Each structure stands twice: as C-alpha cells, then as structure tokens.
Amino acid sequence: MWLLAAMDHGGTVLAQRQIDTKSNETPAFIPLLDGLAGENTVVTADAAHTQHANGIWLREHHAHYIAVVKGNHPGLLRQLRQLPWADIGLDHKDRSKSRGRLEVRHLKTAVFRHLDYPVPVKPCA
C-alpha cells in the first residue's frame, strides 16, 4: 500500500488516499480532491492524471489545472504543437541527468481557453 496526497504550495498535506498495491493512483484523483475547496485553485499533477474525466471534474469545480500532455492524447498534443511557442517567453530551463541520460526541460506557461480539452464525455444511450 502507498499514499496519494494533495498538498498546498507550502507542502502541507490537505488530503490523502491509500492506494492498493494492485492498483494505481489514477482512479484516486477525483476522490482525493473531492471535498477540498477547489474553486480558483491551481491543480498540478503528473501525466497519469491528464484524463478527460479529471479535466471535466476540475472545470465543474471551477479549478484551474496544469496538465502534462504526452502521446496518449494525440489530438490535444496536435493542438499544442500548433501554438505559437516561439512567441512565448521561457520561464525556466533545467538540465539534469536522470536514469543515465541527460534531460533538458524548458518551461513555458500560457493560458489557452480555446483548446478542445477536456472533450466532454457523451452519455451512453
């Protein structure tokens, strides 16, 4: 067993959920945040939590979120690649060695309300 936690910017744990060793943290995301004051907060999470249901839930609770997008969301990734990244200033650059390889990360931030994400889930007929 292990824990998934929600923390504030100062590192204070606001909520936590126990995760069974035979499961993963993905289904615990919404139950972890449910009951916390989410309106006008910024939620950051790793790529495992970039799920349509999570994005919809966060929007319904008037939260803002930073989503990590990888190849498992090809439509969203395609939209992001078409944005004018050359015109957006670099906020942070990091170079580090991890798992035997050099990793270079460039951080740029911008607000894009027009992205088609999350795509609303259509109810089954």
N, C-alpha and C. Protein backbone atom coordinates (compact mmCIF):
# COMPACT_ATOMS: atom_id res chain seq x y z
N MET A 1 0.84 -1.19 0.00
CA MET A 1 0.00 0.00 0.00
C MET A 1 0.88 1.25 0.00
N TRP A 2 0.37 2.32 -0.61
CA TRP A 2 1.07 3.59 -0.60
C TRP A 2 0.03 4.70 -0.64
N LEU A 3 0.47 5.95 -0.54
CA LEU A 3 -0.45 7.07 -0.41
C LEU A 3 -0.33 8.03 -1.59
N LEU A 4 -1.46 8.59 -1.98
CA LEU A 4 -1.52 9.70 -2.92
C LEU A 4 -1.97 10.89 -2.09
N ALA A 5 -1.26 12.00 -2.20
CA ALA A 5 -1.56 13.16 -1.35
C ALA A 5 -1.82 14.40 -2.18
N ALA A 6 -2.65 15.28 -1.64
CA ALA A 6 -2.86 16.62 -2.17
C ALA A 6 -2.20 17.57 -1.18
N MET A 7 -1.33 18.43 -1.69
CA MET A 7 -0.60 19.36 -0.83
C MET A 7 -0.79 20.78 -1.32
N ASP A 8 -0.65 21.73 -0.40
CA ASP A 8 -0.67 23.12 -0.81
C ASP A 8 0.75 23.53 -1.21
N HIS A 9 0.91 24.77 -1.63
CA HIS A 9 2.20 25.24 -2.14
C HIS A 9 3.31 25.17 -1.08
N GLY A 10 2.93 25.25 0.17
CA GLY A 10 3.91 25.18 1.24
C GLY A 10 4.28 23.76 1.66
N GLY A 11 3.62 22.75 1.08
CA GLY A 11 3.93 21.37 1.40
C GLY A 11 3.04 20.75 2.46
N THR A 12 2.04 21.49 2.92
CA THR A 12 1.10 20.95 3.91
C THR A 12 0.16 19.96 3.21
N VAL A 13 0.03 18.77 3.76
CA VAL A 13 -0.87 17.76 3.19
C VAL A 13 -2.31 18.13 3.53
N LEU A 14 -3.12 18.30 2.49
CA LEU A 14 -4.53 18.67 2.65
C LEU A 14 -5.45 17.46 2.65
N ALA A 15 -5.05 16.41 1.94
CA ALA A 15 -5.83 15.18 1.87
C ALA A 15 -4.91 14.07 1.37
N GLN A 16 -5.28 12.83 1.68
CA GLN A 16 -4.52 11.70 1.16
C GLN A 16 -5.44 10.50 1.01
N ARG A 17 -5.07 9.65 0.07
CA ARG A 17 -5.83 8.44 -0.19
C ARG A 17 -4.86 7.27 -0.22
N GLN A 18 -5.27 6.17 0.37
CA GLN A 18 -4.46 4.96 0.36
C GLN A 18 -4.68 4.24 -0.96
N ILE A 19 -3.60 3.81 -1.60
CA ILE A 19 -3.66 3.13 -2.89
C ILE A 19 -3.24 1.68 -2.67
N ASP A 20 -4.07 0.77 -3.13
CA ASP A 20 -3.77 -0.65 -3.02
C ASP A 20 -2.59 -0.98 -3.93
N THR A 21 -1.73 -1.87 -3.52
CA THR A 21 -0.56 -2.24 -4.31
C THR A 21 -0.93 -2.85 -5.65
N LYS A 22 -2.14 -3.39 -5.79
CA LYS A 22 -2.58 -3.98 -7.06
C LYS A 22 -3.29 -2.96 -7.94
N SER A 23 -3.31 -1.70 -7.55
CA SER A 23 -3.97 -0.65 -8.30
C SER A 23 -2.94 0.41 -8.68
N ASN A 24 -3.43 1.54 -9.14
CA ASN A 24 -2.57 2.69 -9.37
C ASN A 24 -3.30 3.93 -8.90
N GLU A 25 -2.65 5.07 -8.98
CA GLU A 25 -3.20 6.29 -8.41
C GLU A 25 -4.27 6.96 -9.27
N THR A 26 -4.39 6.58 -10.53
CA THR A 26 -5.29 7.27 -11.45
C THR A 26 -6.74 7.32 -10.95
N PRO A 27 -7.35 6.22 -10.52
CA PRO A 27 -8.74 6.31 -10.07
C PRO A 27 -8.92 7.05 -8.74
N ALA A 28 -7.85 7.35 -8.04
CA ALA A 28 -7.96 8.03 -6.75
C ALA A 28 -7.92 9.56 -6.86
N PHE A 29 -7.68 10.09 -8.07
CA PHE A 29 -7.52 11.53 -8.26
C PHE A 29 -8.74 12.32 -7.82
N ILE A 30 -9.91 12.01 -8.39
CA ILE A 30 -11.12 12.75 -8.04
C ILE A 30 -11.53 12.53 -6.59
N PRO A 31 -11.56 11.29 -6.09
CA PRO A 31 -11.89 11.12 -4.66
C PRO A 31 -10.93 11.86 -3.73
N LEU A 32 -9.66 11.99 -4.13
CA LEU A 32 -8.69 12.71 -3.31
C LEU A 32 -9.08 14.18 -3.19
N LEU A 33 -9.47 14.78 -4.31
CA LEU A 33 -9.76 16.22 -4.33
C LEU A 33 -11.18 16.55 -3.91
N ASP A 34 -12.09 15.58 -4.00
CA ASP A 34 -13.48 15.82 -3.65
C ASP A 34 -13.58 16.23 -2.17
N GLY A 35 -14.26 17.31 -1.93
CA GLY A 35 -14.39 17.80 -0.56
C GLY A 35 -13.41 18.91 -0.22
N LEU A 36 -12.35 19.08 -1.03
CA LEU A 36 -11.44 20.20 -0.82
C LEU A 36 -12.00 21.42 -1.56
N ALA A 37 -11.69 22.59 -1.07
CA ALA A 37 -12.11 23.82 -1.75
C ALA A 37 -11.28 23.96 -3.02
N GLY A 38 -11.90 23.71 -4.17
CA GLY A 38 -11.17 23.73 -5.43
C GLY A 38 -11.36 24.98 -6.25
N GLU A 39 -12.38 25.77 -5.93
CA GLU A 39 -12.67 26.95 -6.73
C GLU A 39 -11.49 27.92 -6.73
N ASN A 40 -11.08 28.32 -7.92
CA ASN A 40 -9.97 29.26 -8.13
C ASN A 40 -8.63 28.76 -7.59
N THR A 41 -8.48 27.46 -7.46
CA THR A 41 -7.18 26.91 -7.09
C THR A 41 -6.51 26.38 -8.36
N VAL A 42 -5.22 26.18 -8.29
CA VAL A 42 -4.48 25.62 -9.41
C VAL A 42 -4.02 24.22 -9.00
N VAL A 43 -4.41 23.24 -9.78
CA VAL A 43 -4.06 21.85 -9.52
C VAL A 43 -2.97 21.44 -10.51
N THR A 44 -1.89 20.90 -9.99
CA THR A 44 -0.84 20.34 -10.85
C THR A 44 -0.73 18.86 -10.53
N ALA A 45 -0.49 18.07 -11.55
CA ALA A 45 -0.36 16.63 -11.37
C ALA A 45 0.46 16.09 -12.53
N ASP A 46 0.91 14.86 -12.40
CA ASP A 46 1.72 14.28 -13.47
C ASP A 46 0.83 13.78 -14.60
N ALA A 47 1.46 13.26 -15.65
CA ALA A 47 0.75 12.87 -16.87
C ALA A 47 -0.30 11.79 -16.64
N ALA A 48 -0.13 10.97 -15.63
CA ALA A 48 -1.12 9.92 -15.36
C ALA A 48 -2.50 10.50 -15.06
N HIS A 49 -2.54 11.75 -14.60
CA HIS A 49 -3.80 12.38 -14.23
C HIS A 49 -4.36 13.28 -15.32
N THR A 50 -3.69 13.35 -16.47
CA THR A 50 -4.24 14.08 -17.60
C THR A 50 -5.25 13.16 -18.27
N GLN A 51 -6.41 13.13 -17.68
CA GLN A 51 -7.52 12.29 -18.11
C GLN A 51 -8.73 13.20 -18.35
N HIS A 52 -9.53 12.89 -19.37
CA HIS A 52 -10.69 13.71 -19.68
C HIS A 52 -11.61 13.86 -18.47
N ALA A 53 -11.89 12.77 -17.79
CA ALA A 53 -12.80 12.83 -16.63
C ALA A 53 -12.25 13.77 -15.55
N ASN A 54 -10.95 13.75 -15.34
CA ASN A 54 -10.35 14.63 -14.34
C ASN A 54 -10.46 16.09 -14.76
N GLY A 55 -10.19 16.37 -16.04
CA GLY A 55 -10.31 17.73 -16.54
C GLY A 55 -11.72 18.26 -16.44
N ILE A 56 -12.69 17.43 -16.79
CA ILE A 56 -14.10 17.83 -16.69
C ILE A 56 -14.46 18.10 -15.23
N TRP A 57 -14.04 17.21 -14.35
CA TRP A 57 -14.35 17.37 -12.91
C TRP A 57 -13.75 18.68 -12.38
N LEU A 58 -12.50 18.97 -12.76
CA LEU A 58 -11.86 20.20 -12.30
C LEU A 58 -12.58 21.44 -12.83
N ARG A 59 -12.98 21.39 -14.10
CA ARG A 59 -13.73 22.52 -14.67
C ARG A 59 -15.06 22.71 -13.95
N GLU A 60 -15.76 21.60 -13.69
CA GLU A 60 -17.04 21.69 -13.00
C GLU A 60 -16.89 22.29 -11.61
N HIS A 61 -15.71 22.13 -11.01
CA HIS A 61 -15.45 22.66 -9.67
C HIS A 61 -14.69 23.99 -9.73
N HIS A 62 -14.64 24.59 -10.92
CA HIS A 62 -14.06 25.92 -11.14
C HIS A 62 -12.60 26.01 -10.70
N ALA A 63 -11.89 24.91 -10.89
CA ALA A 63 -10.46 24.88 -10.58
C ALA A 63 -9.67 25.10 -11.87
N HIS A 64 -8.47 25.56 -11.74
CA HIS A 64 -7.54 25.69 -12.85
C HIS A 64 -6.57 24.52 -12.73
N TYR A 65 -5.98 24.11 -13.83
CA TYR A 65 -5.07 22.98 -13.75
C TYR A 65 -3.97 23.08 -14.78
N ILE A 66 -2.86 22.48 -14.43
CA ILE A 66 -1.72 22.36 -15.32
C ILE A 66 -1.65 20.88 -15.70
N ALA A 67 -1.84 20.61 -16.98
CA ALA A 67 -1.88 19.23 -17.46
C ALA A 67 -0.59 18.90 -18.20
N VAL A 68 -0.02 17.77 -17.87
CA VAL A 68 1.14 17.25 -18.60
C VAL A 68 0.59 16.42 -19.74
N VAL A 69 0.99 16.75 -20.96
CA VAL A 69 0.44 16.07 -22.14
C VAL A 69 1.54 15.27 -22.81
N LYS A 70 1.24 14.00 -23.00
CA LYS A 70 2.16 13.10 -23.70
C LYS A 70 1.42 12.48 -24.88
N GLY A 71 2.01 11.50 -25.52
CA GLY A 71 1.45 10.89 -26.71
C GLY A 71 0.14 10.16 -26.54
N ASN A 72 -0.30 9.93 -25.30
CA ASN A 72 -1.56 9.22 -25.10
C ASN A 72 -2.78 10.11 -25.36
N HIS A 73 -2.55 11.38 -25.67
CA HIS A 73 -3.61 12.31 -26.04
C HIS A 73 -3.23 12.96 -27.37
N PRO A 74 -3.25 12.20 -28.47
CA PRO A 74 -2.74 12.71 -29.74
C PRO A 74 -3.45 13.96 -30.26
N GLY A 75 -4.76 14.06 -30.08
CA GLY A 75 -5.49 15.24 -30.54
C GLY A 75 -5.07 16.49 -29.79
N LEU A 76 -4.97 16.39 -28.49
CA LEU A 76 -4.54 17.52 -27.68
C LEU A 76 -3.09 17.86 -27.97
N LEU A 77 -2.24 16.86 -28.10
CA LEU A 77 -0.84 17.09 -28.42
C LEU A 77 -0.70 17.82 -29.76
N ARG A 78 -1.51 17.45 -30.74
CA ARG A 78 -1.51 18.10 -32.05
C ARG A 78 -1.90 19.58 -31.91
N GLN A 79 -2.93 19.86 -31.10
CA GLN A 79 -3.33 21.25 -30.86
C GLN A 79 -2.21 22.05 -30.22
N LEU A 80 -1.55 21.45 -29.23
CA LEU A 80 -0.47 22.14 -28.54
C LEU A 80 0.71 22.43 -29.45
N ARG A 81 1.01 21.52 -30.34
CA ARG A 81 2.14 21.72 -31.26
C ARG A 81 1.89 22.86 -32.24
N GLN A 82 0.63 23.23 -32.46
CA GLN A 82 0.29 24.30 -33.39
C GLN A 82 0.30 25.68 -32.74
N LEU A 83 0.51 25.74 -31.45
CA LEU A 83 0.52 27.04 -30.76
C LEU A 83 1.81 27.80 -31.05
N PRO A 84 1.79 29.12 -30.91
CA PRO A 84 2.96 29.96 -31.24
C PRO A 84 4.03 29.95 -30.14
N TRP A 85 4.63 28.79 -29.90
CA TRP A 85 5.59 28.66 -28.81
C TRP A 85 6.80 29.57 -28.95
N ALA A 86 7.20 29.89 -30.16
CA ALA A 86 8.36 30.77 -30.35
C ALA A 86 8.10 32.17 -29.80
N ASP A 87 6.83 32.56 -29.73
CA ASP A 87 6.47 33.88 -29.24
C ASP A 87 6.27 33.92 -27.72
N ILE A 88 6.35 32.78 -27.06
CA ILE A 88 6.12 32.69 -25.61
C ILE A 88 7.46 32.62 -24.91
N GLY A 89 7.65 33.49 -23.93
CA GLY A 89 8.93 33.55 -23.22
C GLY A 89 9.23 32.30 -22.41
N LEU A 90 10.52 32.01 -22.25
CA LEU A 90 10.97 30.87 -21.46
C LEU A 90 10.95 31.24 -19.99
N ASP A 91 10.22 30.47 -19.19
CA ASP A 91 10.13 30.72 -17.75
C ASP A 91 11.24 30.03 -16.97
N HIS A 92 11.64 28.85 -17.42
CA HIS A 92 12.63 28.08 -16.66
C HIS A 92 13.25 27.05 -17.57
N LYS A 93 14.54 26.79 -17.36
CA LYS A 93 15.24 25.74 -18.10
C LYS A 93 16.00 24.90 -17.09
N ASP A 94 15.94 23.59 -17.25
CA ASP A 94 16.60 22.69 -16.32
C ASP A 94 17.35 21.63 -17.12
N ARG A 95 18.57 21.37 -16.72
CA ARG A 95 19.37 20.29 -17.31
C ARG A 95 19.80 19.40 -16.16
N SER A 96 19.49 18.12 -16.28
CA SER A 96 19.88 17.19 -15.23
C SER A 96 20.06 15.81 -15.82
N LYS A 97 20.80 14.98 -15.10
CA LYS A 97 20.94 13.58 -15.50
C LYS A 97 19.96 12.76 -14.70
N SER A 98 19.24 11.89 -15.41
CA SER A 98 18.26 11.03 -14.77
C SER A 98 18.22 9.72 -15.54
N ARG A 99 18.25 8.64 -14.82
CA ARG A 99 18.20 7.30 -15.44
C ARG A 99 19.27 7.12 -16.52
N GLY A 100 20.44 7.69 -16.26
CA GLY A 100 21.55 7.51 -17.17
C GLY A 100 21.51 8.36 -18.42
N ARG A 101 20.63 9.34 -18.48
CA ARG A 101 20.57 10.19 -19.67
C ARG A 101 20.41 11.66 -19.27
N LEU A 102 20.82 12.54 -20.16
CA LEU A 102 20.68 13.97 -19.93
C LEU A 102 19.24 14.37 -20.28
N GLU A 103 18.58 15.04 -19.36
CA GLU A 103 17.24 15.53 -19.60
C GLU A 103 17.26 17.05 -19.58
N VAL A 104 16.72 17.64 -20.62
CA VAL A 104 16.62 19.10 -20.72
C VAL A 104 15.14 19.44 -20.76
N ARG A 105 14.72 20.30 -19.84
CA ARG A 105 13.32 20.70 -19.78
C ARG A 105 13.23 22.21 -19.93
N HIS A 106 12.34 22.64 -20.81
CA HIS A 106 12.04 24.05 -20.98
C HIS A 106 10.62 24.27 -20.49
N LEU A 107 10.42 25.25 -19.62
CA LEU A 107 9.09 25.52 -19.09
C LEU A 107 8.60 26.86 -19.63
N LYS A 108 7.49 26.79 -20.33
CA LYS A 108 6.81 27.97 -20.83
C LYS A 108 5.37 27.86 -20.35
N THR A 109 4.81 28.96 -19.92
CA THR A 109 3.42 28.93 -19.46
C THR A 109 2.59 29.95 -20.23
N ALA A 110 1.38 29.57 -20.51
CA ALA A 110 0.42 30.43 -21.19
C ALA A 110 -0.98 29.90 -20.91
N VAL A 111 -1.95 30.76 -21.01
CA VAL A 111 -3.34 30.37 -20.80
C VAL A 111 -3.99 30.23 -22.17
N PHE A 112 -4.58 29.07 -22.41
CA PHE A 112 -5.27 28.82 -23.66
C PHE A 112 -6.65 28.27 -23.35
N ARG A 113 -7.64 29.13 -23.35
CA ARG A 113 -9.00 28.70 -23.05
C ARG A 113 -9.67 28.05 -24.27
N HIS A 114 -9.11 28.24 -25.45
CA HIS A 114 -9.74 27.75 -26.67
C HIS A 114 -9.38 26.30 -27.00
N LEU A 115 -8.51 25.67 -26.24
CA LEU A 115 -8.15 24.29 -26.53
C LEU A 115 -9.35 23.38 -26.32
N ASP A 116 -9.47 22.39 -27.14
CA ASP A 116 -10.59 21.45 -27.07
C ASP A 116 -10.26 20.34 -26.08
N TYR A 117 -10.05 20.73 -24.82
CA TYR A 117 -9.75 19.77 -23.77
C TYR A 117 -10.31 20.30 -22.46
N PRO A 118 -10.90 19.52 -21.67
CA PRO A 118 -11.24 18.13 -21.96
C PRO A 118 -12.45 18.07 -22.86
N VAL A 119 -12.49 17.06 -23.68
CA VAL A 119 -13.65 16.83 -24.53
C VAL A 119 -14.75 16.27 -23.64
N PRO A 120 -15.91 16.89 -23.60
CA PRO A 120 -16.98 16.38 -22.73
C PRO A 120 -17.31 14.93 -23.05
N VAL A 121 -17.53 14.17 -22.03
CA VAL A 121 -17.91 12.77 -22.19
C VAL A 121 -19.39 12.72 -22.53
N LYS A 122 -19.71 12.04 -23.63
CA LYS A 122 -21.11 11.92 -24.04
C LYS A 122 -21.74 10.75 -23.28
N PRO A 123 -22.95 10.97 -22.73
CA PRO A 123 -23.60 9.88 -22.01
C PRO A 123 -23.98 8.74 -22.97
N CYS A 124 -23.93 7.52 -22.46
CA CYS A 124 -24.31 6.36 -23.26
C CYS A 124 -25.82 6.34 -23.45
N ALA A 125 -26.24 5.96 -24.63
CA ALA A 125 -27.69 5.93 -24.92
C ALA A 125 -28.29 4.61 -24.45
